[in-house]
PDB file of all heavy atoms in Angstrom:
ATOM      1  N   VAL A   1     108.305  96.880  92.018  1.00  0.00           N
ATOM      2  CA  VAL A   1     106.980  97.219  92.722  1.00  0.00           C
ATOM      3  C   VAL A   1     107.144  97.113  94.258  1.00  0.00           C
ATOM      4  O   VAL A   1     106.618  97.882  94.904  1.00  0.00           O
ATOM      5  CB  VAL A   1     105.986  96.183  92.227  1.00  0.00           C
ATOM      6  CG1 VAL A   1     104.658  96.207  93.091  1.00  0.00           C
ATOM      7  CG2 VAL A   1     105.613  96.433  90.724  1.00  0.00           C
ATOM      8  N   LEU A   2     107.887  96.202  94.666  1.00  0.00           N
ATOM      9  CA  LEU A   2     108.044  96.010  96.194  1.00  0.00           C
ATOM     10  C   LEU A   2     108.817  97.286  96.721  1.00  0.00           C
ATOM     11  O   LEU A   2     108.579  97.674  97.835  1.00  0.00           O
ATOM     12  CB  LEU A   2     108.917  94.825  96.537  1.00  0.00           C
ATOM     13  CG  LEU A   2     108.238  93.386  96.186  1.00  0.00           C
ATOM     14  CD1 LEU A   2     109.227  92.251  96.401  1.00  0.00           C
ATOM     15  CD2 LEU A   2     106.978  93.287  96.793  1.00  0.00           C
ATOM     16  N   GLN A   3     109.736  97.841  96.024  1.00  0.00           N
ATOM     17  CA  GLN A   3     110.420  99.051  96.475  1.00  0.00           C
ATOM     18  C   GLN A   3     109.742 100.277  96.267  1.00  0.00           C
ATOM     19  O   GLN A   3     110.312 101.406  96.759  1.00  0.00           O
ATOM     20  CB  GLN A   3     111.921  98.985  95.861  1.00  0.00           C
ATOM     21  CG  GLN A   3     112.693  97.763  96.444  1.00  0.00           C
ATOM     22  CD  GLN A   3     113.967  97.490  95.455  1.00  0.00           C
ATOM     23  OE1 GLN A   3     114.290  98.184  94.519  1.00  0.00           O
ATOM     24  NE2 GLN A   3     114.523  96.363  95.696  1.00  0.00           N
ATOM     25  N   GLU A   4     108.711 100.310  95.525  1.00  0.00           N
ATOM     26  CA  GLU A   4     107.960 101.494  95.224  1.00  0.00           C
ATOM     27  C   GLU A   4     107.309 102.002  96.417  1.00  0.00           C
ATOM     28  O   GLU A   4     106.664 101.342  97.155  1.00  0.00           O
ATOM     29  CB  GLU A   4     106.924 101.237  94.090  1.00  0.00           C
ATOM     30  CG  GLU A   4     106.217 102.492  93.529  1.00  0.00           C
ATOM     31  CD  GLU A   4     107.054 103.384  92.638  1.00  0.00           C
ATOM     32  OE1 GLU A   4     108.249 102.928  92.351  1.00  0.00           O
ATOM     33  OE2 GLU A   4     106.597 104.421  92.267  1.00  0.00           O
ATOM     34  N   PRO A   5     107.548 103.198  96.853  1.00  0.00           N
ATOM     35  CA  PRO A   5     106.808 103.684  97.961  1.00  0.00           C
ATOM     36  C   PRO A   5     105.409 103.937  97.806  1.00  0.00           C
ATOM     37  O   PRO A   5     104.909 103.976  96.685  1.00  0.00           O
ATOM     38  CB  PRO A   5     107.530 105.156  98.331  1.00  0.00           C
ATOM     39  CG  PRO A   5     108.060 105.609  96.927  1.00  0.00           C
ATOM     40  CD  PRO A   5     108.414 104.345  96.228  1.00  0.00           C
ATOM     41  N   GLY A   6     104.595 104.043  98.825  1.00  0.00           N
ATOM     42  CA  GLY A   6     103.087 104.267  98.698  1.00  0.00           C
ATOM     43  C   GLY A   6     102.366 102.883  98.639  1.00  0.00           C
ATOM     44  O   GLY A   6     102.960 101.848  98.753  1.00  0.00           O
ATOM     45  N   GLU A   7     101.111 103.097  98.413  1.00  0.00           N
ATOM     46  CA  GLU A   7     100.191 102.032  98.404  1.00  0.00           C
ATOM     47  C   GLU A   7     100.344 101.054  97.294  1.00  0.00           C
ATOM     48  O   GLU A   7     100.481  99.861  97.531  1.00  0.00           O
ATOM     49  CB  GLU A   7      98.723 102.563  98.475  1.00  0.00           C
ATOM     50  CG  GLU A   7      98.315 103.166  99.812  1.00  0.00           C
ATOM     51  CD  GLU A   7      98.516 102.296 100.888  1.00  0.00           C
ATOM     52  OE1 GLU A   7      97.990 101.178 100.968  1.00  0.00           O
ATOM     53  OE2 GLU A   7      99.173 102.718 101.986  1.00  0.00           O
ATOM     54  N   GLY A   8     100.356 101.566  96.065  1.00  0.00           N
ATOM     55  CA  GLY A   8     100.489 100.698  94.908  1.00  0.00           C
ATOM     56  C   GLY A   8      99.441  99.553  94.870  1.00  0.00           C
ATOM     57  O   GLY A   8      99.892  98.468  94.551  1.00  0.00           O
ATOM     58  N   ALA A   9      98.270  99.866  95.093  1.00  0.00           N
ATOM     59  CA  ALA A   9      97.203  98.897  95.186  1.00  0.00           C
ATOM     60  C   ALA A   9      97.083  97.981  93.894  1.00  0.00           C
ATOM     61  O   ALA A   9      96.988  96.779  93.987  1.00  0.00           O
ATOM     62  CB  ALA A   9      95.872  99.470  95.527  1.00  0.00           C
ATOM     63  N   GLU A  10      97.110  98.669  92.769  1.00  0.00           N
ATOM     64  CA  GLU A  10      96.881  97.920  91.463  1.00  0.00           C
ATOM     65  C   GLU A  10      98.166  97.017  91.206  1.00  0.00           C
ATOM     66  O   GLU A  10      98.061  95.920  90.665  1.00  0.00           O
ATOM     67  CB  GLU A  10      96.651  98.940  90.229  1.00  0.00           C
ATOM     68  CG  GLU A  10      95.359  99.543  90.278  1.00  0.00           C
ATOM     69  CD  GLU A  10      94.165  98.594  90.410  1.00  0.00           C
ATOM     70  OE1 GLU A  10      94.202  97.467  89.874  1.00  0.00           O
ATOM     71  OE2 GLU A  10      93.165  99.025  91.023  1.00  0.00           O
ATOM     72  N   GLN A  11      99.363  97.519  91.493  1.00  0.00           N
ATOM     73  CA  GLN A  11     100.579  96.758  91.316  1.00  0.00           C
ATOM     74  C   GLN A  11     100.612  95.610  92.215  1.00  0.00           C
ATOM     75  O   GLN A  11     100.960  94.575  91.808  1.00  0.00           O
ATOM     76  CB  GLN A  11     101.796  97.693  91.636  1.00  0.00           C
ATOM     77  CG  GLN A  11     101.994  98.830  90.617  1.00  0.00           C
ATOM     78  CD  GLN A  11     101.179 100.010  90.732  1.00  0.00           C
ATOM     79  OE1 GLN A  11     100.301 100.147  91.731  1.00  0.00           O
ATOM     80  NE2 GLN A  11     101.238 100.876  89.751  1.00  0.00           N
ATOM     81  N   THR A  12     100.090  95.808  93.525  1.00  0.00           N
ATOM     82  CA  THR A  12     100.123  94.627  94.458  1.00  0.00           C
ATOM     83  C   THR A  12      99.102  93.555  93.990  1.00  0.00           C
ATOM     84  O   THR A  12      99.421  92.356  93.975  1.00  0.00           O
ATOM     85  CB  THR A  12      99.798  95.069  95.847  1.00  0.00           C
ATOM     86  OG1 THR A  12     100.635  96.095  96.273  1.00  0.00           O
ATOM     87  CG2 THR A  12      99.879  94.045  96.861  1.00  0.00           C
ATOM     88  N   LYS A  13      97.973  93.961  93.459  1.00  0.00           N
ATOM     89  CA  LYS A  13      96.957  93.032  92.989  1.00  0.00           C
ATOM     90  C   LYS A  13      97.516  92.362  91.750  1.00  0.00           C
ATOM     91  O   LYS A  13      97.188  91.146  91.701  1.00  0.00           O
ATOM     92  CB  LYS A  13      95.728  93.837  92.501  1.00  0.00           C
ATOM     93  CG  LYS A  13      94.824  94.240  93.648  1.00  0.00           C
ATOM     94  CD  LYS A  13      93.543  94.949  93.055  1.00  0.00           C
ATOM     95  CE  LYS A  13      92.855  95.871  94.146  1.00  0.00           C
ATOM     96  NZ  LYS A  13      91.884  96.671  93.527  1.00  0.00           N
ATOM     97  N   LEU A  14      98.230  93.004  90.928  1.00  0.00           N
ATOM     98  CA  LEU A  14      98.806  92.325  89.723  1.00  0.00           C
ATOM     99  C   LEU A  14      99.823  91.207  90.119  1.00  0.00           C
ATOM    100  O   LEU A  14      99.683  90.125  89.646  1.00  0.00           O
ATOM    101  CB  LEU A  14      99.541  93.411  88.855  1.00  0.00           C
ATOM    102  CG  LEU A  14     100.240  92.794  87.615  1.00  0.00           C
ATOM    103  CD1 LEU A  14      99.305  92.120  86.743  1.00  0.00           C
ATOM    104  CD2 LEU A  14     100.943  93.966  86.947  1.00  0.00           C
ATOM    105  N   ILE A  15     100.741  91.568  91.037  1.00  0.00           N
ATOM    106  CA  ILE A  15     101.650  90.612  91.521  1.00  0.00           C
ATOM    107  C   ILE A  15     100.898  89.384  92.154  1.00  0.00           C
ATOM    108  O   ILE A  15     101.327  88.267  91.891  1.00  0.00           O
ATOM    109  CB  ILE A  15     102.681  91.197  92.474  1.00  0.00           C
ATOM    110  CG1 ILE A  15     103.524  92.263  91.810  1.00  0.00           C
ATOM    111  CG2 ILE A  15     103.509  90.122  93.252  1.00  0.00           C
ATOM    112  CD1 ILE A  15     104.616  92.939  92.681  1.00  0.00           C
ATOM    113  N   CYS A  16      99.897  89.710  93.024  1.00  0.00           N
ATOM    114  CA  CYS A  16      99.201  88.599  93.572  1.00  0.00           C
ATOM    115  C   CYS A  16      98.528  87.757  92.514  1.00  0.00           C
ATOM    116  O   CYS A  16      98.616  86.412  92.642  1.00  0.00           O
ATOM    117  CB  CYS A  16      98.067  89.108  94.534  1.00  0.00           C
ATOM    118  SG  CYS A  16      98.669  89.897  96.023  1.00  0.00           S
ATOM    119  N   GLU A  17      98.017  88.236  91.455  1.00  0.00           N
ATOM    120  CA  GLU A  17      97.392  87.493  90.418  1.00  0.00           C
ATOM    121  C   GLU A  17      98.397  86.636  89.663  1.00  0.00           C
ATOM    122  O   GLU A  17      98.241  85.494  89.391  1.00  0.00           O
ATOM    123  CB  GLU A  17      96.648  88.370  89.380  1.00  0.00           C
ATOM    124  CG  GLU A  17      95.794  87.618  88.381  1.00  0.00           C
ATOM    125  CD  GLU A  17      94.960  88.476  87.522  1.00  0.00           C
ATOM    126  OE1 GLU A  17      94.767  89.665  87.854  1.00  0.00           O
ATOM    127  OE2 GLU A  17      94.379  87.993  86.524  1.00  0.00           O
ATOM    128  N   LEU A  18      99.572  87.252  89.431  1.00  0.00           N
ATOM    129  CA  LEU A  18     100.607  86.474  88.855  1.00  0.00           C
ATOM    130  C   LEU A  18     101.137  85.326  89.631  1.00  0.00           C
ATOM    131  O   LEU A  18     101.347  84.301  89.131  1.00  0.00           O
ATOM    132  CB  LEU A  18     101.826  87.445  88.482  1.00  0.00           C
ATOM    133  CG  LEU A  18     101.580  88.517  87.300  1.00  0.00           C
ATOM    134  CD1 LEU A  18     102.718  89.394  87.283  1.00  0.00           C
ATOM    135  CD2 LEU A  18     101.347  87.743  85.979  1.00  0.00           C
ATOM    136  N   VAL A  19     101.279  85.571  91.005  1.00  0.00           N
ATOM    137  CA  VAL A  19     101.693  84.543  91.851  1.00  0.00           C
ATOM    138  C   VAL A  19     100.667  83.405  91.968  1.00  0.00           C
ATOM    139  O   VAL A  19     100.963  82.218  91.862  1.00  0.00           O
ATOM    140  CB  VAL A  19     101.934  85.073  93.350  1.00  0.00           C
ATOM    141  CG1 VAL A  19     102.075  84.071  94.355  1.00  0.00           C
ATOM    142  CG2 VAL A  19     103.235  85.953  93.219  1.00  0.00           C
ATOM    143  N   GLU A  20      99.432  83.851  92.027  1.00  0.00           N
ATOM    144  CA  GLU A  20      98.337  82.842  92.281  1.00  0.00           C
ATOM    145  C   GLU A  20      98.101  81.943  90.991  1.00  0.00           C
ATOM    146  O   GLU A  20      97.808  80.767  91.076  1.00  0.00           O
ATOM    147  CB  GLU A  20      96.972  83.485  92.550  1.00  0.00           C
ATOM    148  CG  GLU A  20      96.977  84.043  94.051  1.00  0.00           C
ATOM    149  CD  GLU A  20      95.867  85.123  94.265  1.00  0.00           C
ATOM    150  OE1 GLU A  20      95.096  85.379  93.327  1.00  0.00           O
ATOM    151  OE2 GLU A  20      95.761  85.568  95.356  1.00  0.00           O
ATOM    152  N   GLU A  21      98.304  82.488  89.776  1.00  0.00           N
ATOM    153  CA  GLU A  21      97.826  81.797  88.629  1.00  0.00           C
ATOM    154  C   GLU A  21      98.929  81.577  87.567  1.00  0.00           C
ATOM    155  O   GLU A  21      98.694  80.577  86.743  1.00  0.00           O
ATOM    156  CB  GLU A  21      96.711  82.635  87.936  1.00  0.00           C
ATOM    157  CG  GLU A  21      95.434  82.740  88.863  1.00  0.00           C
ATOM    158  CD  GLU A  21      94.330  83.385  88.138  1.00  0.00           C
ATOM    159  OE1 GLU A  21      94.186  83.237  86.958  1.00  0.00           O
ATOM    160  OE2 GLU A  21      93.639  84.159  88.846  1.00  0.00           O
ATOM    161  N   PHE A  22     100.028  82.250  87.557  1.00  0.00           N
ATOM    162  CA  PHE A  22     100.813  82.156  86.362  1.00  0.00           C
ATOM    163  C   PHE A  22     102.275  81.804  86.619  1.00  0.00           C
ATOM    164  O   PHE A  22     102.941  81.183  85.689  1.00  0.00           O
ATOM    165  CB  PHE A  22     100.802  83.491  85.598  1.00  0.00           C
ATOM    166  CG  PHE A  22      99.443  83.783  85.143  1.00  0.00           C
ATOM    167  CD1 PHE A  22      98.775  84.800  85.690  1.00  0.00           C
ATOM    168  CD2 PHE A  22      98.800  83.114  83.997  1.00  0.00           C
ATOM    169  CE1 PHE A  22      97.448  85.130  85.238  1.00  0.00           C
ATOM    170  CE2 PHE A  22      97.598  83.441  83.611  1.00  0.00           C
ATOM    171  CZ  PHE A  22      96.813  84.409  84.190  1.00  0.00           C
ATOM    172  N   LEU A  23     102.878  82.083  87.792  1.00  0.00           N
ATOM    173  CA  LEU A  23     104.216  81.791  87.996  1.00  0.00           C
ATOM    174  C   LEU A  23     104.524  80.430  88.405  1.00  0.00           C
ATOM    175  O   LEU A  23     103.772  79.675  88.995  1.00  0.00           O
ATOM    176  CB  LEU A  23     104.779  82.770  89.091  1.00  0.00           C
ATOM    177  CG  LEU A  23     104.799  84.269  88.782  1.00  0.00           C
ATOM    178  CD1 LEU A  23     105.340  84.989  90.049  1.00  0.00           C
ATOM    179  CD2 LEU A  23     105.639  84.640  87.605  1.00  0.00           C
ATOM    180  N   GLU A  24     105.794  79.901  87.859  1.00  0.00           N
ATOM    181  CA  GLU A  24     106.233  78.558  88.142  1.00  0.00           C
ATOM    182  C   GLU A  24     106.595  78.541  89.752  1.00  0.00           C
ATOM    183  O   GLU A  24     106.967  79.614  90.288  1.00  0.00           O
ATOM    184  CB  GLU A  24     107.460  78.279  87.394  1.00  0.00           C
ATOM    185  CG  GLU A  24     107.139  78.169  85.870  1.00  0.00           C
ATOM    186  CD  GLU A  24     106.249  76.993  85.531  1.00  0.00           C
ATOM    187  OE1 GLU A  24     106.373  75.901  86.105  1.00  0.00           O
ATOM    188  OE2 GLU A  24     105.322  77.153  84.662  1.00  0.00           O
ATOM    189  N   PRO A  25     106.615  77.322  90.302  1.00  0.00           N
ATOM    190  CA  PRO A  25     106.950  77.226  91.742  1.00  0.00           C
ATOM    191  C   PRO A  25     108.331  77.971  92.114  1.00  0.00           C
ATOM    192  O   PRO A  25     108.356  78.652  93.112  1.00  0.00           O
ATOM    193  CB  PRO A  25     107.070  75.768  92.061  1.00  0.00           C
ATOM    194  CG  PRO A  25     106.143  75.133  91.064  1.00  0.00           C
ATOM    195  CD  PRO A  25     106.186  76.079  89.797  1.00  0.00           C
ATOM    196  N   HIS A  26     109.392  77.852  91.334  1.00  0.00           N
ATOM    197  CA  HIS A  26     110.630  78.488  91.625  1.00  0.00           C
ATOM    198  C   HIS A  26     110.530  79.909  91.611  1.00  0.00           C
ATOM    199  O   HIS A  26     111.185  80.657  92.383  1.00  0.00           O
ATOM    200  CB  HIS A  26     111.753  77.871  90.727  1.00  0.00           C
ATOM    201  CG  HIS A  26     111.605  78.304  89.294  1.00  0.00           C
ATOM    202  ND1 HIS A  26     112.147  79.392  88.757  1.00  0.00           N
ATOM    203  CD2 HIS A  26     110.875  77.715  88.259  1.00  0.00           C
ATOM    204  CE1 HIS A  26     111.730  79.614  87.414  1.00  0.00           C
ATOM    205  NE2 HIS A  26     111.069  78.481  87.156  1.00  0.00           N
ATOM    206  N   SER A  27     109.665  80.438  90.757  1.00  0.00           N
ATOM    207  CA  SER A  27     109.438  81.898  90.679  1.00  0.00           C
ATOM    208  C   SER A  27     108.589  82.498  91.840  1.00  0.00           C
ATOM    209  O   SER A  27     108.862  83.437  92.286  1.00  0.00           O
ATOM    210  CB  SER A  27     108.800  82.300  89.406  1.00  0.00           C
ATOM    211  OG  SER A  27     109.613  82.081  88.295  1.00  0.00           O
ATOM    212  N   VAL A  28     107.776  81.609  92.346  1.00  0.00           N
ATOM    213  CA  VAL A  28     106.971  81.932  93.551  1.00  0.00           C
ATOM    214  C   VAL A  28     107.893  82.110  94.762  1.00  0.00           C
ATOM    215  O   VAL A  28     107.787  82.937  95.591  1.00  0.00           O
ATOM    216  CB  VAL A  28     105.880  80.929  93.887  1.00  0.00           C
ATOM    217  CG1 VAL A  28     105.133  81.113  95.130  1.00  0.00           C
ATOM    218  CG2 VAL A  28     104.754  80.866  92.759  1.00  0.00           C
ATOM    219  N   GLN A  29     108.859  81.121  94.843  1.00  0.00           N
ATOM    220  CA  GLN A  29     109.848  81.135  95.905  1.00  0.00           C
ATOM    221  C   GLN A  29     110.694  82.504  95.768  1.00  0.00           C
ATOM    222  O   GLN A  29     111.133  83.135  96.782  1.00  0.00           O
ATOM    223  CB  GLN A  29     110.773  79.977  95.910  1.00  0.00           C
ATOM    224  CG  GLN A  29     110.084  78.695  96.193  1.00  0.00           C
ATOM    225  CD  GLN A  29     111.010  77.460  96.126  1.00  0.00           C
ATOM    226  OE1 GLN A  29     112.247  77.534  96.147  1.00  0.00           O
ATOM    227  NE2 GLN A  29     110.394  76.318  96.076  1.00  0.00           N
ATOM    228  N   LEU A  30     111.113  82.845  94.536  1.00  0.00           N
ATOM    229  CA  LEU A  30     111.817  84.153  94.329  1.00  0.00           C
ATOM    230  C   LEU A  30     110.999  85.238  94.737  1.00  0.00           C
ATOM    231  O   LEU A  30     111.554  86.159  95.459  1.00  0.00           O
ATOM    232  CB  LEU A  30     112.144  84.197  92.821  1.00  0.00           C
ATOM    233  CG  LEU A  30     112.875  85.536  92.409  1.00  0.00           C
ATOM    234  CD1 LEU A  30     114.217  85.674  93.141  1.00  0.00           C
ATOM    235  CD2 LEU A  30     113.186  85.464  90.872  1.00  0.00           C
ATOM    236  N   VAL A  31     109.703  85.398  94.402  1.00  0.00           N
ATOM    237  CA  VAL A  31     108.953  86.363  94.921  1.00  0.00           C
ATOM    238  C   VAL A  31     108.942  86.552  96.478  1.00  0.00           C
ATOM    239  O   VAL A  31     109.064  87.620  97.099  1.00  0.00           O
ATOM    240  CB  VAL A  31     107.400  86.360  94.392  1.00  0.00           C
ATOM    241  CG1 VAL A  31     106.551  87.343  95.052  1.00  0.00           C
ATOM    242  CG2 VAL A  31     107.473  86.612  92.845  1.00  0.00           C
ATOM    243  N   LEU A  32     108.783  85.362  97.064  1.00  0.00           N
ATOM    244  CA  LEU A  32     108.777  85.353  98.618  1.00  0.00           C
ATOM    245  C   LEU A  32     110.044  85.813  99.181  1.00  0.00           C
ATOM    246  O   LEU A  32     110.127  86.670 100.061  1.00  0.00           O
ATOM    247  CB  LEU A  32     108.493  83.837  99.115  1.00  0.00           C
ATOM    248  CG  LEU A  32     108.684  83.638 100.566  1.00  0.00           C
ATOM    249  CD1 LEU A  32     107.670  84.635 101.311  1.00  0.00           C
ATOM    250  CD2 LEU A  32     108.350  82.217 100.990  1.00  0.00           C
ATOM    251  N   SER A  33     111.158  85.426  98.548  1.00  0.00           N
ATOM    252  CA  SER A  33     112.542  85.832  99.168  1.00  0.00           C
ATOM    253  C   SER A  33     112.626  87.302  98.780  1.00  0.00           C
ATOM    254  O   SER A  33     113.291  88.046  99.663  1.00  0.00           O
ATOM    255  CB  SER A  33     113.663  85.091  98.371  1.00  0.00           C
ATOM    256  OG  SER A  33     113.661  85.370  97.020  1.00  0.00           O
ATOM    257  N   GLN A  34     112.139  87.876  97.660  1.00  0.00           N
ATOM    258  CA  GLN A  34     112.135  89.390  97.412  1.00  0.00           C
ATOM    259  C   GLN A  34     111.300  90.133  98.477  1.00  0.00           C
ATOM    260  O   GLN A  34     111.743  91.130  98.929  1.00  0.00           O
ATOM    261  CB  GLN A  34     111.693  89.696  96.061  1.00  0.00           C
ATOM    262  CG  GLN A  34     112.749  89.170  94.978  1.00  0.00           C
ATOM    263  CD  GLN A  34     112.124  89.454  93.628  1.00  0.00           C
ATOM    264  OE1 GLN A  34     110.998  88.926  93.143  1.00  0.00           O
ATOM    265  NE2 GLN A  34     112.790  90.377  92.745  1.00  0.00           N
ATOM    266  N   VAL A  35     110.126  89.598  98.831  1.00  0.00           N
ATOM    267  CA  VAL A  35     109.311  90.227  99.774  1.00  0.00           C
ATOM    268  C   VAL A  35     110.054  90.260 101.170  1.00  0.00           C
ATOM    269  O   VAL A  35     110.030  91.229 101.912  1.00  0.00           O
ATOM    270  CB  VAL A  35     107.947  89.551 100.001  1.00  0.00           C
ATOM    271  CG1 VAL A  35     107.196  90.113 101.184  1.00  0.00           C
ATOM    272  CG2 VAL A  35     107.032  89.714  98.702  1.00  0.00           C
ATOM    273  N   LEU A  36     110.616  89.222 101.406  1.00  0.00           N
ATOM    274  CA  LEU A  36     111.309  89.165 102.805  1.00  0.00           C
ATOM    275  C   LEU A  36     112.641  89.995 102.883  1.00  0.00           C
ATOM    276  O   LEU A  36     113.178  90.211 104.008  1.00  0.00           O
ATOM    277  CB  LEU A  36     111.709  87.634 103.189  1.00  0.00           C
ATOM    278  CG  LEU A  36     110.445  86.787 103.286  1.00  0.00           C
ATOM    279  CD1 LEU A  36     110.842  85.384 103.551  1.00  0.00           C
ATOM    280  CD2 LEU A  36     109.550  87.268 104.415  1.00  0.00           C
ATOM    281  N   GLU A  37     113.137  90.523 101.760  1.00  0.00           N
ATOM    282  CA  GLU A  37     114.326  91.357 101.776  1.00  0.00           C
ATOM    283  C   GLU A  37     113.953  92.781 102.111  1.00  0.00           C
ATOM    284  O   GLU A  37     114.807  93.657 102.309  1.00  0.00           O
ATOM    285  CB  GLU A  37     114.947  91.297 100.438  1.00  0.00           C
ATOM    286  CG  GLU A  37     115.762  89.936 100.077  1.00  0.00           C
ATOM    287  CD  GLU A  37     116.195  89.788  98.669  1.00  0.00           C
ATOM    288  OE1 GLU A  37     116.074  90.788  97.806  1.00  0.00           O
ATOM    289  OE2 GLU A  37     116.693  88.699  98.283  1.00  0.00           O
ATOM    290  N   VAL A  38     112.729  93.171 101.924  1.00  0.00           N
ATOM    291  CA  VAL A  38     112.266  94.631 102.155  1.00  0.00           C
ATOM    292  C   VAL A  38     111.442  94.613 103.455  1.00  0.00           C
ATOM    293  O   VAL A  38     110.920  93.672 103.940  1.00  0.00           O
ATOM    294  CB  VAL A  38     111.517  95.163 101.014  1.00  0.00           C
ATOM    295  CG1 VAL A  38     112.314  95.276  99.711  1.00  0.00           C
ATOM    296  CG2 VAL A  38     110.219  94.347 100.763  1.00  0.00           C
ATOM    297  N   PRO A  39     111.442  95.878 104.105  1.00  0.00           N
ATOM    298  CA  PRO A  39     110.575  95.987 105.225  1.00  0.00           C
ATOM    299  C   PRO A  39     109.202  95.637 105.022  1.00  0.00           C
ATOM    300  O   PRO A  39     108.487  96.085 104.081  1.00  0.00           O
ATOM    301  CB  PRO A  39     110.744  97.473 105.668  1.00  0.00           C
ATOM    302  CG  PRO A  39     112.044  97.924 104.948  1.00  0.00           C
ATOM    303  CD  PRO A  39     112.174  97.154 103.724  1.00  0.00           C
ATOM    304  N   LEU A  40     108.589  94.808 105.890  1.00  0.00           N
ATOM    305  CA  LEU A  40     107.237  94.348 105.708  1.00  0.00           C
ATOM    306  C   LEU A  40     106.242  95.501 105.899  1.00  0.00           C
ATOM    307  O   LEU A  40     106.448  96.290 106.813  1.00  0.00           O
ATOM    308  CB  LEU A  40     106.932  93.235 106.670  1.00  0.00           C
ATOM    309  CG  LEU A  40     105.840  92.242 106.415  1.00  0.00           C
ATOM    310  CD1 LEU A  40     106.036  91.633 105.101  1.00  0.00           C
ATOM    311  CD2 LEU A  40     105.672  91.207 107.430  1.00  0.00           C
ATOM    312  N   SER A  41     105.297  95.584 105.020  1.00  0.00           N
ATOM    313  CA  SER A  41     104.203  96.620 105.267  1.00  0.00           C
ATOM    314  C   SER A  41     102.934  95.996 104.914  1.00  0.00           C
ATOM    315  O   SER A  41     102.821  94.939 104.355  1.00  0.00           O
ATOM    316  CB  SER A  41     104.564  97.735 104.251  1.00  0.00           C
ATOM    317  OG  SER A  41     104.494  97.360 102.897  1.00  0.00           O
ATOM    318  N   GLU A  42     101.907  96.788 105.145  1.00  0.00           N
ATOM    319  CA  GLU A  42     100.490  96.334 104.881  1.00  0.00           C
ATOM    320  C   GLU A  42     100.256  96.064 103.473  1.00  0.00           C
ATOM    321  O   GLU A  42      99.592  95.053 103.103  1.00  0.00           O
ATOM    322  CB  GLU A  42      99.514  97.369 105.360  1.00  0.00           C
ATOM    323  CG  GLU A  42      98.040  96.993 105.494  1.00  0.00           C
ATOM    324  CD  GLU A  42      97.785  95.974 106.696  1.00  0.00           C
ATOM    325  OE1 GLU A  42      98.473  96.287 107.774  1.00  0.00           O
ATOM    326  OE2 GLU A  42      97.017  95.144 106.547  1.00  0.00           O
ATOM    327  N   LYS A  43     101.000  96.827 102.539  1.00  0.00           N
ATOM    328  CA  LYS A  43     100.905  96.610 101.181  1.00  0.00           C
ATOM    329  C   LYS A  43     101.399  95.233 100.670  1.00  0.00           C
ATOM    330  O   LYS A  43     100.898  94.606  99.742  1.00  0.00           O
ATOM    331  CB  LYS A  43     101.706  97.730 100.403  1.00  0.00           C
ATOM    332  CG  LYS A  43     102.035  97.452  98.943  1.00  0.00           C
ATOM    333  CD  LYS A  43     102.868  98.601  98.469  1.00  0.00           C
ATOM    334  CE  LYS A  43     103.900  98.161  97.446  1.00  0.00           C
ATOM    335  NZ  LYS A  43     104.657  99.242  96.871  1.00  0.00           N
ATOM    336  N   LEU A  44     102.393  94.703 101.421  1.00  0.00           N
ATOM    337  CA  LEU A  44     102.929  93.397 101.017  1.00  0.00           C
ATOM    338  C   LEU A  44     102.272  92.136 101.599  1.00  0.00           C
ATOM    339  O   LEU A  44     102.569  91.118 101.149  1.00  0.00           O
ATOM    340  CB  LEU A  44     104.460  93.447 101.459  1.00  0.00           C
ATOM    341  CG  LEU A  44     105.334  94.500 100.843  1.00  0.00           C
ATOM    342  CD1 LEU A  44     106.799  94.324 101.401  1.00  0.00           C
ATOM    343  CD2 LEU A  44     105.386  94.506  99.361  1.00  0.00           C
ATOM    344  N   LEU A  45     101.498  92.284 102.598  1.00  0.00           N
ATOM    345  CA  LEU A  45     100.761  91.203 103.168  1.00  0.00           C
ATOM    346  C   LEU A  45     100.012  90.334 102.252  1.00  0.00           C
ATOM    347  O   LEU A  45     100.010  89.112 102.206  1.00  0.00           O
ATOM    348  CB  LEU A  45      99.872  91.631 104.351  1.00  0.00           C
ATOM    349  CG  LEU A  45     100.689  92.262 105.560  1.00  0.00           C
ATOM    350  CD1 LEU A  45      99.747  92.726 106.674  1.00  0.00           C
ATOM    351  CD2 LEU A  45     101.744  91.315 106.068  1.00  0.00           C
ATOM    352  N   PRO A  46      99.213  91.039 101.207  1.00  0.00           N
ATOM    353  CA  PRO A  46      98.441  90.196 100.356  1.00  0.00           C
ATOM    354  C   PRO A  46      99.333  89.335  99.433  1.00  0.00           C
ATOM    355  O   PRO A  46      99.014  88.314  99.009  1.00  0.00           O
ATOM    356  CB  PRO A  46      97.689  91.296  99.405  1.00  0.00           C
ATOM    357  CG  PRO A  46      97.604  92.430 100.361  1.00  0.00           C
ATOM    358  CD  PRO A  46      98.857  92.470 101.169  1.00  0.00           C
TER     359      PRO A  46
END
């Protein structure tokens, strides 16, 4: 999802929901490290 070009609004919302409510702390850290590996965009800020 992070590497997918374009807006990907629904995909971004889904990742946000998983991060906020379902992922374990170590997986939240993994998501953060994955976001920091790609160029930052408006899509990734949420």
